């Protein structure tokens, strides 16, 4: 049985999980400080979620660029999104204004990568080594 992971779908799912975390976690988990847990305003947890999104996203976009479409455009959108996510953690008072475009940039990057991979159907260029 041949099992293959669709890294773009996984990247989109990770981005959406991050958006859900940022938008809904404060609503559903606001009672955690009563029990001694505080992950809502925990910067290490935020950086960990961003690092996870960065690792998965970078791998999926690199794979698409290297093996299929050879375009840097999805990676540019993704980088802008990650920078906006990091900015959101640093400047809390702009959190919502930075979160929405960050998620849109990251999802757009994965969508572009997905569309480019499907439209080029394993296109090769001169620098392709396979």
C-alpha atoms as a PDB file:
ATOM      1  CA  UNK A   1       0.000   0.000   0.000  1.00  0.00           C
ATOM      2  CA  UNK A   2       1.466   3.328  -1.101  1.00  0.00           C
ATOM      3  CA  UNK A   3       0.699   6.143   1.338  1.00  0.00           C
ATOM      4  CA  UNK A   4       1.639   9.662   0.296  1.00  0.00           C
ATOM      5  CA  UNK A   5       1.209  12.849   2.310  1.00  0.00           C
ATOM      6  CA  UNK A   6      -0.178  15.883   0.502  1.00  0.00           C
ATOM      7  CA  UNK A   7       2.062  18.510   2.101  1.00  0.00           C
ATOM      8  CA  UNK A   8       0.046  21.426   0.736  1.00  0.00           C
ATOM      9  CA  UNK A   9      -3.119  20.082   2.341  1.00  0.00           C
ATOM     10  CA  UNK A  10      -1.171  19.489   5.554  1.00  0.00           C
ATOM     11  CA  UNK A  11       0.217  23.037   5.383  1.00  0.00           C
ATOM     12  CA  UNK A  12      -3.240  24.514   4.851  1.00  0.00           C
ATOM     13  CA  UNK A  13      -4.589  22.425   7.739  1.00  0.00           C
ATOM     14  CA  UNK A  14      -1.751  23.617   9.977  1.00  0.00           C
ATOM     15  CA  UNK A  15      -2.411  27.243   9.011  1.00  0.00           C
ATOM     16  CA  UNK A  16      -6.100  26.823   9.732  1.00  0.00           C
ATOM     17  CA  UNK A  17      -5.311  25.154  13.056  1.00  0.00           C
ATOM     18  CA  UNK A  18      -3.139  28.139  13.908  1.00  0.00           C
ATOM     19  CA  UNK A  19      -5.947  30.538  12.962  1.00  0.00           C
ATOM     20  CA  UNK A  20      -8.443  28.563  15.052  1.00  0.00           C
ATOM     21  CA  UNK A  21      -5.979  28.544  17.939  1.00  0.00           C
ATOM     22  CA  UNK A  22      -5.500  32.303  17.746  1.00  0.00           C
ATOM     23  CA  UNK A  23      -9.194  33.119  17.318  1.00  0.00           C
ATOM     24  CA  UNK A  24     -11.038  30.539  19.419  1.00  0.00           C
ATOM     25  CA  UNK A  25      -8.604  29.457  22.114  1.00  0.00           C
ATOM     26  CA  UNK A  26      -9.121  32.599  24.207  1.00  0.00           C
ATOM     27  CA  UNK A  27     -12.883  32.085  24.042  1.00  0.00           C
ATOM     28  CA  UNK A  28     -12.932  28.403  25.009  1.00  0.00           C
ATOM     29  CA  UNK A  29      -9.957  28.259  27.332  1.00  0.00           C
ATOM     30  CA  UNK A  30     -10.342  31.478  29.274  1.00  0.00           C
ATOM     31  CA  UNK A  31     -10.946  29.447  32.426  1.00  0.00           C
ATOM     32  CA  UNK A  32      -7.491  27.809  32.377  1.00  0.00           C
ATOM     33  CA  UNK A  33      -5.899  30.407  34.697  1.00  0.00           C
ATOM     34  CA  UNK A  34      -8.382  29.285  37.357  1.00  0.00           C
ATOM     35  CA  UNK A  35      -6.704  25.866  37.231  1.00  0.00           C
ATOM     36  CA  UNK A  36      -3.160  27.241  37.152  1.00  0.00           C
ATOM     37  CA  UNK A  37      -2.601  26.958  33.395  1.00  0.00           C
ATOM     38  CA  UNK A  38      -1.897  29.987  31.247  1.00  0.00           C
ATOM     39  CA  UNK A  39      -1.194  29.176  27.593  1.00  0.00           C
ATOM     40  CA  UNK A  40      -3.310  32.008  26.225  1.00  0.00           C
ATOM     41  CA  UNK A  41      -0.681  34.694  26.847  1.00  0.00           C
ATOM     42  CA  UNK A  42       2.292  32.324  26.781  1.00  0.00           C
ATOM     43  CA  UNK A  43       4.789  33.613  24.222  1.00  0.00           C
ATOM     44  CA  UNK A  44       6.704  30.304  24.145  1.00  0.00           C
ATOM     45  CA  UNK A  45       3.525  28.484  23.140  1.00  0.00           C
ATOM     46  CA  UNK A  46       2.881  31.096  20.442  1.00  0.00           C
ATOM     47  CA  UNK A  47       6.424  30.795  19.117  1.00  0.00           C
ATOM     48  CA  UNK A  48       6.073  27.001  19.155  1.00  0.00           C
ATOM     49  CA  UNK A  49       2.902  27.146  17.050  1.00  0.00           C
ATOM     50  CA  UNK A  50       4.576  29.545  14.611  1.00  0.00           C
ATOM     51  CA  UNK A  51       7.647  27.272  14.437  1.00  0.00           C
ATOM     52  CA  UNK A  52       5.420  24.276  13.662  1.00  0.00           C
ATOM     53  CA  UNK A  53       3.615  26.199  10.916  1.00  0.00           C
ATOM     54  CA  UNK A  54       6.972  27.393   9.580  1.00  0.00           C
ATOM     55  CA  UNK A  55       8.487  23.891   9.501  1.00  0.00           C
ATOM     56  CA  UNK A  56       5.519  22.250   7.769  1.00  0.00           C
ATOM     57  CA  UNK A  57       4.980  25.161   5.390  1.00  0.00           C
ATOM     58  CA  UNK A  58       8.617  25.463   4.400  1.00  0.00           C
ATOM     59  CA  UNK A  59       8.874  21.764   3.662  1.00  0.00           C
ATOM     60  CA  UNK A  60       5.700  21.627   1.582  1.00  0.00           C
ATOM     61  CA  UNK A  61       6.509  24.769  -0.395  1.00  0.00           C
ATOM     62  CA  UNK A  62      10.121  23.741  -0.966  1.00  0.00           C
ATOM     63  CA  UNK A  63       8.996  20.335  -2.226  1.00  0.00           C
ATOM     64  CA  UNK A  64       6.566  21.956  -4.679  1.00  0.00           C
ATOM     65  CA  UNK A  65       9.161  24.428  -5.913  1.00  0.00           C
ATOM     66  CA  UNK A  66      11.958  21.889  -6.247  1.00  0.00           C
ATOM     67  CA  UNK A  67       9.999  18.999  -7.777  1.00  0.00           C
ATOM     68  CA  UNK A  68       7.278  20.727  -9.761  1.00  0.00           C
ATOM     69  CA  UNK A  69       6.896  24.409 -10.605  1.00  0.00           C
ATOM     70  CA  UNK A  70      10.295  26.055  -9.768  1.00  0.00           C
ATOM     71  CA  UNK A  71       8.603  29.300  -8.695  1.00  0.00           C
ATOM     72  CA  UNK A  72       9.479  31.312  -5.598  1.00  0.00           C
ATOM     73  CA  UNK A  73       6.105  33.111  -5.485  1.00  0.00           C
ATOM     74  CA  UNK A  74       4.444  30.772  -2.927  1.00  0.00           C
ATOM     75  CA  UNK A  75       7.513  31.025  -0.686  1.00  0.00           C
ATOM     76  CA  UNK A  76       7.369  34.841  -0.843  1.00  0.00           C
ATOM     77  CA  UNK A  77       3.708  34.842   0.253  1.00  0.00           C
ATOM     78  CA  UNK A  78       4.504  32.329   2.998  1.00  0.00           C
ATOM     79  CA  UNK A  79       7.442  34.391   4.295  1.00  0.00           C
ATOM     80  CA  UNK A  80       5.289  37.517   4.486  1.00  0.00           C
ATOM     81  CA  UNK A  81       2.675  35.534   6.436  1.00  0.00           C
ATOM     82  CA  UNK A  82       5.227  34.164   8.918  1.00  0.00           C
ATOM     83  CA  UNK A  83       6.712  37.631   9.452  1.00  0.00           C
ATOM     84  CA  UNK A  84       3.218  38.957  10.165  1.00  0.00           C
ATOM     85  CA  UNK A  85       2.625  36.101  12.641  1.00  0.00           C
ATOM     86  CA  UNK A  86       5.847  36.897  14.464  1.00  0.00           C
ATOM     87  CA  UNK A  87       4.881  40.583  14.454  1.00  0.00           C
ATOM     88  CA  UNK A  88       1.547  39.642  16.017  1.00  0.00           C
ATOM     89  CA  UNK A  89       3.324  38.083  18.990  1.00  0.00           C
ATOM     90  CA  UNK A  90       5.600  41.096  19.428  1.00  0.00           C
ATOM     91  CA  UNK A  91       2.980  43.832  19.068  1.00  0.00           C
ATOM     92  CA  UNK A  92      -0.054  42.569  20.989  1.00  0.00           C
ATOM     93  CA  UNK A  93      -2.143  45.693  20.454  1.00  0.00           C
ATOM     94  CA  UNK A  94      -2.112  45.033  16.673  1.00  0.00           C
ATOM     95  CA  UNK A  95      -2.815  41.307  17.070  1.00  0.00           C
ATOM     96  CA  UNK A  96      -6.061  41.060  15.089  1.00  0.00           C
ATOM     97  CA  UNK A  97      -4.849  43.427  12.368  1.00  0.00           C
ATOM     98  CA  UNK A  98      -1.736  41.300  11.859  1.00  0.00           C
ATOM     99  CA  UNK A  99      -3.347  37.869  12.315  1.00  0.00           C
ATOM    100  CA  UNK A 100      -5.919  38.117   9.525  1.00  0.00           C
ATOM    101  CA  UNK A 101      -3.483  39.074   6.736  1.00  0.00           C
ATOM    102  CA  UNK A 102      -0.901  36.596   8.091  1.00  0.00           C
ATOM    103  CA  UNK A 103      -3.304  33.681   7.779  1.00  0.00           C
ATOM    104  CA  UNK A 104      -4.481  34.891   4.366  1.00  0.00           C
ATOM    105  CA  UNK A 105      -0.893  35.120   3.093  1.00  0.00           C
ATOM    106  CA  UNK A 106      -0.023  31.640   4.391  1.00  0.00           C
ATOM    107  CA  UNK A 107      -3.145  30.008   2.986  1.00  0.00           C
ATOM    108  CA  UNK A 108      -2.634  31.839  -0.332  1.00  0.00           C
ATOM    109  CA  UNK A 109       0.942  30.531  -0.476  1.00  0.00           C
ATOM    110  CA  UNK A 110      -0.224  26.938  -0.037  1.00  0.00           C
ATOM    111  CA  UNK A 111      -3.059  27.410  -2.514  1.00  0.00           C
ATOM    112  CA  UNK A 112      -0.688  28.887  -5.115  1.00  0.00           C
ATOM    113  CA  UNK A 113       1.746  26.039  -4.539  1.00  0.00           C
ATOM    114  CA  UNK A 114      -1.043  23.491  -4.939  1.00  0.00           C
ATOM    115  CA  UNK A 115      -2.328  25.101  -8.162  1.00  0.00           C
ATOM    116  CA  UNK A 116       1.162  25.501  -9.614  1.00  0.00           C
ATOM    117  CA  UNK A 117       2.064  21.884  -8.844  1.00  0.00           C
ATOM    118  CA  UNK A 118      -1.125  20.635 -10.527  1.00  0.00           C
ATOM    119  CA  UNK A 119      -0.854  22.897 -13.570  1.00  0.00           C
ATOM    120  CA  UNK A 120       2.812  22.111 -14.286  1.00  0.00           C
ATOM    121  CA  UNK A 121       2.362  18.380 -13.658  1.00  0.00           C
ATOM    122  CA  UNK A 122       5.997  17.715 -12.742  1.00  0.00           C
ATOM    123  CA  UNK A 123       7.517  20.198 -15.175  1.00  0.00           C
ATOM    124  CA  UNK A 124      11.294  20.172 -15.351  1.00  0.00           C
ATOM    125  CA  UNK A 125      13.747  22.990 -15.875  1.00  0.00           C
ATOM    126  CA  UNK A 126      17.476  22.994 -16.586  1.00  0.00           C
ATOM    127  CA  UNK A 127      18.375  22.849 -12.888  1.00  0.00           C
ATOM    128  CA  UNK A 128      16.169  19.824 -12.178  1.00  0.00           C
ATOM    129  CA  UNK A 129      18.240  16.856 -10.970  1.00  0.00           C
ATOM    130  CA  UNK A 130      15.695  14.060 -11.434  1.00  0.00           C
END
